C-alpha cells in the first residue's frame, strides 16, 4: 500500500534532508514563499535537532549542512533574506552550538531590506509567485520607482527567499524590486515549468510585463 509522505500545494521539492549517515530521508524542504522544512520522520535525531534549533533563530532559515555519521557534531547554516548566512557547529554531547563563521561578515542584517513573498494572477488565470522588496523604512510606501528583476534560465531556474546582493543594492538606492517566477520557472512542479514551453517571447513575457506595468502604479 502506498501512502503520501509529502505533497506541496504551492511549491515543489526544493531539497531532501538526509539522515546523518546519508542512508535515509528525514524531511523535505520547499519554498512556498519562505523556506519550509516538513518533517517526515518526527522521531529521527535529525528532526529533533531541527526542532531544537529552529526556534532559537526566529525569522530565519535553519538548515543542516554537514555532520559526523553518528550526529555527534553537526554543522548548520542560519540565513534569511537579510542575512547572507552564518555557520554554527552543534556538539550533541555538550548540547551547545558554537559560531564558526559568516558569509559576507561586513553585511549588517538590520540595514538590509525585507523580501516579501507575493502571489499574482497571470492574464490567463495561472497563479504566479514572486517577491517584492521595498527600501528599508519604506515598507508601506506607494509609487516607488520599480525595477523588475528577471531571473535567468528561463526554464528550471527560480527566485528564492534568500539574501540577494542585486536586490539589496537596488533597495538601498530607493528602488522597489519585483521578482516574478514566471511560467517555466522551477520550484513549482513539472506542470508549471512545462507551462512555459514554447512561450519564450509569449506568455513568459506577459507574466513579467503585465505585473511590471501594474507594479509601477502600485509600489
C-alpha atoms as a PDB file:
ATOM      1  CA  UNK A   1       0.000   0.000   0.000  1.00  0.00           C
ATOM      2  CA  UNK A   2       1.341   3.407  -0.957  1.00  0.00           C
ATOM      3  CA  UNK A   3       0.884   6.404   1.315  1.00  0.00           C
ATOM      4  CA  UNK A   4       1.653  10.073   0.647  1.00  0.00           C
ATOM      5  CA  UNK A   5       4.570  11.369   2.732  1.00  0.00           C
ATOM      6  CA  UNK A   6       4.542  14.908   1.390  1.00  0.00           C
ATOM      7  CA  UNK A   7       2.607  16.941  -1.132  1.00  0.00           C
ATOM      8  CA  UNK A   8       3.192  20.585  -1.979  1.00  0.00           C
ATOM      9  CA  UNK A   9       0.209  22.718  -2.983  1.00  0.00           C
ATOM     10  CA  UNK A  10       2.202  25.810  -3.958  1.00  0.00           C
ATOM     11  CA  UNK A  11       5.795  24.665  -4.352  1.00  0.00           C
ATOM     12  CA  UNK A  12       7.673  21.547  -5.368  1.00  0.00           C
ATOM     13  CA  UNK A  13      10.526  19.836  -3.572  1.00  0.00           C
ATOM     14  CA  UNK A  14      13.476  22.155  -3.089  1.00  0.00           C
ATOM     15  CA  UNK A  15      15.759  19.651  -1.341  1.00  0.00           C
ATOM     16  CA  UNK A  16      15.696  16.454   0.700  1.00  0.00           C
ATOM     17  CA  UNK A  17      17.116  16.359   4.228  1.00  0.00           C
ATOM     18  CA  UNK A  18      19.076  13.152   4.715  1.00  0.00           C
ATOM     19  CA  UNK A  19      19.956  11.311   7.887  1.00  0.00           C
ATOM     20  CA  UNK A  20      23.408  11.799   9.404  1.00  0.00           C
ATOM     21  CA  UNK A  21      24.613   8.557   7.799  1.00  0.00           C
ATOM     22  CA  UNK A  22      23.132   9.567   4.398  1.00  0.00           C
ATOM     23  CA  UNK A  23      21.027   6.383   4.239  1.00  0.00           C
ATOM     24  CA  UNK A  24      17.545   7.781   4.754  1.00  0.00           C
ATOM     25  CA  UNK A  25      15.342  10.822   4.143  1.00  0.00           C
ATOM     26  CA  UNK A  26      14.003  12.552   7.247  1.00  0.00           C
ATOM     27  CA  UNK A  27      12.481  15.779   5.900  1.00  0.00           C
ATOM     28  CA  UNK A  28      11.527  17.701   2.756  1.00  0.00           C
ATOM     29  CA  UNK A  29      12.471  21.310   2.068  1.00  0.00           C
ATOM     30  CA  UNK A  30      10.324  23.504  -0.154  1.00  0.00           C
ATOM     31  CA  UNK A  31       9.883  27.212  -0.869  1.00  0.00           C
ATOM     32  CA  UNK A  32       6.198  28.221  -0.631  1.00  0.00           C
ATOM     33  CA  UNK A  33       7.164  31.867  -0.263  1.00  0.00           C
ATOM     34  CA  UNK A  34       9.622  31.413   2.570  1.00  0.00           C
ATOM     35  CA  UNK A  35      11.679  28.252   3.189  1.00  0.00           C
ATOM     36  CA  UNK A  36       9.717  25.404   4.762  1.00  0.00           C
ATOM     37  CA  UNK A  37      11.007  22.157   6.240  1.00  0.00           C
ATOM     38  CA  UNK A  38       8.421  19.378   6.573  1.00  0.00           C
ATOM     39  CA  UNK A  39       9.469  16.514   8.844  1.00  0.00           C
ATOM     40  CA  UNK A  40       8.770  13.016   7.549  1.00  0.00           C
ATOM     41  CA  UNK A  41      10.318  11.098  10.439  1.00  0.00           C
ATOM     42  CA  UNK A  42       9.467  13.105  13.547  1.00  0.00           C
ATOM     43  CA  UNK A  43      11.380  10.809  15.900  1.00  0.00           C
ATOM     44  CA  UNK A  44      14.610  10.863  13.893  1.00  0.00           C
ATOM     45  CA  UNK A  45      17.538  12.572  15.669  1.00  0.00           C
ATOM     46  CA  UNK A  46      17.940  14.926  12.711  1.00  0.00           C
ATOM     47  CA  UNK A  47      14.301  16.007  13.025  1.00  0.00           C
ATOM     48  CA  UNK A  48      14.650  16.523  16.770  1.00  0.00           C
ATOM     49  CA  UNK A  49      17.735  18.651  16.202  1.00  0.00           C
ATOM     50  CA  UNK A  50      15.917  20.836  13.664  1.00  0.00           C
ATOM     51  CA  UNK A  51      13.015  21.210  16.099  1.00  0.00           C
ATOM     52  CA  UNK A  52      15.500  22.243  18.789  1.00  0.00           C
ATOM     53  CA  UNK A  53      17.482  24.724  16.706  1.00  0.00           C
ATOM     54  CA  UNK A  54      14.826  26.453  14.597  1.00  0.00           C
ATOM     55  CA  UNK A  55      13.058  28.306  17.474  1.00  0.00           C
ATOM     56  CA  UNK A  56      16.428  29.735  18.535  1.00  0.00           C
ATOM     57  CA  UNK A  57      16.605  31.738  15.289  1.00  0.00           C
ATOM     58  CA  UNK A  58      13.151  33.275  14.725  1.00  0.00           C
ATOM     59  CA  UNK A  59      12.536  34.658  11.260  1.00  0.00           C
ATOM     60  CA  UNK A  60      15.498  32.812   9.787  1.00  0.00           C
ATOM     61  CA  UNK A  61      16.026  29.554   7.948  1.00  0.00           C
ATOM     62  CA  UNK A  62      17.982  26.775   9.670  1.00  0.00           C
ATOM     63  CA  UNK A  63      19.423  24.006   7.504  1.00  0.00           C
ATOM     64  CA  UNK A  64      21.704  21.094   8.375  1.00  0.00           C
ATOM     65  CA  UNK A  65      24.770  21.162   6.125  1.00  0.00           C
ATOM     66  CA  UNK A  66      27.264  18.535   7.327  1.00  0.00           C
ATOM     67  CA  UNK A  67      27.791  16.089  10.182  1.00  0.00           C
ATOM     68  CA  UNK A  68      29.608  13.079  11.503  1.00  0.00           C
ATOM     69  CA  UNK A  69      27.789   9.831  10.698  1.00  0.00           C
ATOM     70  CA  UNK A  70      26.668   9.464  14.324  1.00  0.00           C
ATOM     71  CA  UNK A  71      25.415  13.049  14.556  1.00  0.00           C
ATOM     72  CA  UNK A  72      27.799  13.900  17.378  1.00  0.00           C
ATOM     73  CA  UNK A  73      28.973  17.008  15.507  1.00  0.00           C
ATOM     74  CA  UNK A  74      26.705  18.892  13.097  1.00  0.00           C
ATOM     75  CA  UNK A  75      27.362  21.999  11.011  1.00  0.00           C
ATOM     76  CA  UNK A  76      24.236  24.037  10.342  1.00  0.00           C
ATOM     77  CA  UNK A  77      23.519  27.263   8.471  1.00  0.00           C
ATOM     78  CA  UNK A  78      21.322  30.139   9.614  1.00  0.00           C
ATOM     79  CA  UNK A  79      20.267  32.567   6.878  1.00  0.00           C
ATOM     80  CA  UNK A  80      17.446  34.810   5.678  1.00  0.00           C
ATOM     81  CA  UNK A  81      16.512  37.489   3.167  1.00  0.00           C
ATOM     82  CA  UNK A  82      18.562  39.956   5.237  1.00  0.00           C
ATOM     83  CA  UNK A  83      21.286  37.627   6.495  1.00  0.00           C
ATOM     84  CA  UNK A  84      23.756  36.146   3.962  1.00  0.00           C
ATOM     85  CA  UNK A  85      24.338  33.217   6.313  1.00  0.00           C
ATOM     86  CA  UNK A  86      26.153  32.160   9.452  1.00  0.00           C
ATOM     87  CA  UNK A  87      27.612  28.711  10.085  1.00  0.00           C
ATOM     88  CA  UNK A  88      27.477  27.042  13.510  1.00  0.00           C
ATOM     89  CA  UNK A  89      28.823  23.807  14.943  1.00  0.00           C
ATOM     90  CA  UNK A  90      26.479  21.832  17.194  1.00  0.00           C
ATOM     91  CA  UNK A  91      28.003  19.479  19.770  1.00  0.00           C
ATOM     92  CA  UNK A  92      25.405  16.855  20.671  1.00  0.00           C
ATOM     93  CA  UNK A  93      27.166  15.707  23.853  1.00  0.00           C
ATOM     94  CA  UNK A  94      27.535  19.230  25.196  1.00  0.00           C
ATOM     95  CA  UNK A  95      24.162  20.272  23.697  1.00  0.00           C
ATOM     96  CA  UNK A  96      25.806  23.508  22.615  1.00  0.00           C
ATOM     97  CA  UNK A  97      26.099  25.431  19.346  1.00  0.00           C
ATOM     98  CA  UNK A  98      29.221  27.465  18.599  1.00  0.00           C
ATOM     99  CA  UNK A  99      29.560  30.133  15.922  1.00  0.00           C
ATOM    100  CA  UNK A 100      32.053  29.240  13.192  1.00  0.00           C
ATOM    101  CA  UNK A 101      31.999  31.989  10.564  1.00  0.00           C
ATOM    102  CA  UNK A 102      29.686  34.097   8.466  1.00  0.00           C
ATOM    103  CA  UNK A 103      29.223  34.763   4.799  1.00  0.00           C
ATOM    104  CA  UNK A 104      29.862  38.416   3.967  1.00  0.00           C
ATOM    105  CA  UNK A 105      30.568  39.336   7.596  1.00  0.00           C
ATOM    106  CA  UNK A 106      30.589  43.023   6.668  1.00  0.00           C
ATOM    107  CA  UNK A 107      26.842  42.917   5.976  1.00  0.00           C
ATOM    108  CA  UNK A 108      24.628  44.268   8.779  1.00  0.00           C
ATOM    109  CA  UNK A 109      21.246  42.478   8.539  1.00  0.00           C
ATOM    110  CA  UNK A 110      19.410  45.271  10.359  1.00  0.00           C
ATOM    111  CA  UNK A 111      20.348  47.593   7.497  1.00  0.00           C
ATOM    112  CA  UNK A 112      19.007  45.252   4.814  1.00  0.00           C
ATOM    113  CA  UNK A 113      15.533  45.332   3.242  1.00  0.00           C
ATOM    114  CA  UNK A 114      12.834  42.692   3.731  1.00  0.00           C
ATOM    115  CA  UNK A 115      11.882  40.435   0.811  1.00  0.00           C
ATOM    116  CA  UNK A 116       8.128  39.799   0.930  1.00  0.00           C
ATOM    117  CA  UNK A 117       6.553  36.774  -0.809  1.00  0.00           C
ATOM    118  CA  UNK A 118       3.683  37.730  -3.115  1.00  0.00           C
ATOM    119  CA  UNK A 119       1.089  35.888  -5.201  1.00  0.00           C
ATOM    120  CA  UNK A 120      -0.149  37.145  -8.566  1.00  0.00           C
ATOM    121  CA  UNK A 121      -2.601  36.117 -11.266  1.00  0.00           C
ATOM    122  CA  UNK A 122      -1.495  35.943 -14.886  1.00  0.00           C
ATOM    123  CA  UNK A 123      -3.809  37.111 -17.672  1.00  0.00           C
ATOM    124  CA  UNK A 124      -4.967  33.550 -18.290  1.00  0.00           C
ATOM    125  CA  UNK A 125      -5.606  32.925 -14.580  1.00  0.00           C
ATOM    126  CA  UNK A 126      -2.411  30.982 -13.822  1.00  0.00           C
ATOM    127  CA  UNK A 127      -1.186  31.641 -10.288  1.00  0.00           C
ATOM    128  CA  UNK A 128       2.307  33.106 -10.154  1.00  0.00           C
ATOM    129  CA  UNK A 129       4.550  33.612  -7.148  1.00  0.00           C
ATOM    130  CA  UNK A 130       7.373  36.026  -6.555  1.00  0.00           C
ATOM    131  CA  UNK A 131       8.881  38.591  -4.225  1.00  0.00           C
ATOM    132  CA  UNK A 132       8.591  42.313  -3.595  1.00  0.00           C
ATOM    133  CA  UNK A 133      11.361  44.171  -1.795  1.00  0.00           C
ATOM    134  CA  UNK A 134      10.906  47.779  -0.747  1.00  0.00           C
ATOM    135  CA  UNK A 135      13.632  50.049   0.658  1.00  0.00           C
ATOM    136  CA  UNK A 136      14.145  49.831   4.396  1.00  0.00           C
ATOM    137  CA  UNK A 137      11.899  52.320   6.180  1.00  0.00           C
ATOM    138  CA  UNK A 138       9.542  52.453   3.179  1.00  0.00           C
ATOM    139  CA  UNK A 139       7.830  49.077   3.580  1.00  0.00           C
ATOM    140  CA  UNK A 140       4.369  50.669   3.268  1.00  0.00           C
ATOM    141  CA  UNK A 141       5.284  53.330   0.702  1.00  0.00           C
ATOM    142  CA  UNK A 142       3.439  53.601  -2.635  1.00  0.00           C
ATOM    143  CA  UNK A 143       4.513  54.840  -6.069  1.00  0.00           C
ATOM    144  CA  UNK A 144       8.162  53.961  -5.591  1.00  0.00           C
ATOM    145  CA  UNK A 145      10.412  53.623  -8.641  1.00  0.00           C
ATOM    146  CA  UNK A 146      10.296  49.951  -9.555  1.00  0.00           C
ATOM    147  CA  UNK A 147      12.825  47.537 -11.026  1.00  0.00           C
ATOM    148  CA  UNK A 148      11.559  44.194 -12.370  1.00  0.00           C
ATOM    149  CA  UNK A 149      14.496  41.865 -11.773  1.00  0.00           C
ATOM    150  CA  UNK A 150      14.259  38.822 -14.048  1.00  0.00           C
ATOM    151  CA  UNK A 151      15.976  35.559 -13.180  1.00  0.00           C
ATOM    152  CA  UNK A 152      17.885  33.525 -15.749  1.00  0.00           C
ATOM    153  CA  UNK A 153      17.122  30.184 -17.283  1.00  0.00           C
ATOM    154  CA  UNK A 154      14.486  30.633 -18.427  1.00  0.00           C
ATOM    155  CA  UNK A 155      13.483  27.044 -17.574  1.00  0.00           C
ATOM    156  CA  UNK A 156      14.032  25.363 -14.210  1.00  0.00           C
ATOM    157  CA  UNK A 157      15.506  28.432 -12.503  1.00  0.00           C
ATOM    158  CA  UNK A 158      13.599  30.464  -9.922  1.00  0.00           C
ATOM    159  CA  UNK A 159      13.943  33.276  -7.407  1.00  0.00           C
ATOM    160  CA  UNK A 160      14.102  32.254  -3.745  1.00  0.00           C
ATOM    161  CA  UNK A 161      13.570  33.974  -0.428  1.00  0.00           C
ATOM    162  CA  UNK A 162      17.203  34.486   0.479  1.00  0.00           C
ATOM    163  CA  UNK A 163      19.888  37.137   0.571  1.00  0.00           C
ATOM    164  CA  UNK A 164      20.288  38.647  -2.896  1.00  0.00           C
ATOM    165  CA  UNK A 165      23.042  41.215  -3.417  1.00  0.00           C
ATOM    166  CA  UNK A 166      21.402  42.735  -6.523  1.00  0.00           C
ATOM    167  CA  UNK A 167      18.080  43.160  -4.723  1.00  0.00           C
ATOM    168  CA  UNK A 168      19.700  44.739  -1.688  1.00  0.00           C
ATOM    169  CA  UNK A 169      21.794  47.101  -3.814  1.00  0.00           C
ATOM    170  CA  UNK A 170      18.741  48.378  -5.675  1.00  0.00           C
ATOM    171  CA  UNK A 171      16.664  48.668  -2.497  1.00  0.00           C
ATOM    172  CA  UNK A 172      19.438  50.640  -0.802  1.00  0.00           C
ATOM    173  CA  UNK A 173      19.215  53.171  -3.644  1.00  0.00           C
ATOM    174  CA  UNK A 174      15.482  53.728  -3.158  1.00  0.00           C
ATOM    175  CA  UNK A 175      14.039  51.248  -5.661  1.00  0.00           C
ATOM    176  CA  UNK A 176      11.303  48.702  -5.069  1.00  0.00           C
ATOM    177  CA  UNK A 177      12.325  45.376  -6.615  1.00  0.00           C
ATOM    178  CA  UNK A 178       9.802  42.961  -8.113  1.00  0.00           C
ATOM    179  CA  UNK A 179      10.804  39.362  -8.865  1.00  0.00           C
ATOM    180  CA  UNK A 180       8.246  37.183 -10.660  1.00  0.00           C
ATOM    181  CA  UNK A 181       8.631  33.429 -11.005  1.00  0.00           C
ATOM    182  CA  UNK A 182       7.059  33.370 -14.448  1.00  0.00           C
ATOM    183  CA  UNK A 183       5.750  30.152 -16.039  1.00  0.00           C
ATOM    184  CA  UNK A 184       8.658  27.908 -16.899  1.00  0.00           C
ATOM    185  CA  UNK A 185      10.421  28.667 -13.626  1.00  0.00           C
ATOM    186  CA  UNK A 186      11.499  25.776 -11.430  1.00  0.00           C
ATOM    187  CA  UNK A 187      10.450  25.165  -7.860  1.00  0.00           C
ATOM    188  CA  UNK A 188       6.705  24.799  -8.526  1.00  0.00           C
ATOM    189  CA  UNK A 189       6.468  21.361 -10.056  1.00  0.00           C
ATOM    190  CA  UNK A 190       6.771  19.926 -13.547  1.00  0.00           C
ATOM    191  CA  UNK A 191       3.440  21.214 -14.871  1.00  0.00           C
ATOM    192  CA  UNK A 192       4.301  24.818 -14.016  1.00  0.00           C
ATOM    193  CA  UNK A 193       7.658  24.523 -15.743  1.00  0.00           C
ATOM    194  CA  UNK A 194       6.006  22.815 -18.720  1.00  0.00           C
ATOM    195  CA  UNK A 195       3.550  25.734 -18.990  1.00  0.00           C
ATOM    196  CA  UNK A 196       6.465  27.813 -20.199  1.00  0.00           C
ATOM    197  CA  UNK A 197       7.363  25.541 -23.114  1.00  0.00           C
ATOM    198  CA  UNK A 198       7.138  27.410 -26.438  1.00  0.00           C
ATOM    199  CA  UNK A 199       6.233  30.573 -24.501  1.00  0.00           C
ATOM    200  CA  UNK A 200       9.621  32.273 -24.581  1.00  0.00           C
ATOM    201  CA  UNK A 201       8.653  35.651 -26.028  1.00  0.00           C
ATOM    202  CA  UNK A 202       4.983  34.855 -25.388  1.00  0.00           C
ATOM    203  CA  UNK A 203       3.226  34.187 -22.088  1.00  0.00           C
ATOM    204  CA  UNK A 204       6.541  34.177 -20.211  1.00  0.00           C
ATOM    205  CA  UNK A 205       6.978  37.835 -21.139  1.00  0.00           C
ATOM    206  CA  UNK A 206       3.319  38.568 -20.409  1.00  0.00           C
ATOM    207  CA  UNK A 207       3.819  37.276 -16.867  1.00  0.00           C
ATOM    208  CA  UNK A 208       6.638  39.771 -16.417  1.00  0.00           C
ATOM    209  CA  UNK A 209       5.385  42.788 -18.337  1.00  0.00           C
ATOM    210  CA  UNK A 210       1.827  42.647 -17.025  1.00  0.00           C
ATOM    211  CA  UNK A 211       2.918  42.844 -13.405  1.00  0.00           C
ATOM    212  CA  UNK A 212       5.813  45.159 -14.068  1.00  0.00           C
ATOM    213  CA  UNK A 213       3.454  47.734 -15.582  1.00  0.00           C
ATOM    214  CA  UNK A 214       0.839  47.206 -12.862  1.00  0.00           C
ATOM    215  CA  UNK A 215       3.590  47.446 -10.272  1.00  0.00           C
ATOM    216  CA  UNK A 216       4.553  50.922 -11.455  1.00  0.00           C
ATOM    217  CA  UNK A 217       1.223  52.202 -10.206  1.00  0.00           C
ATOM    218  CA  UNK A 218       1.115  50.208  -7.001  1.00  0.00           C
ATOM    219  CA  UNK A 219       4.586  50.291  -5.489  1.00  0.00           C
END
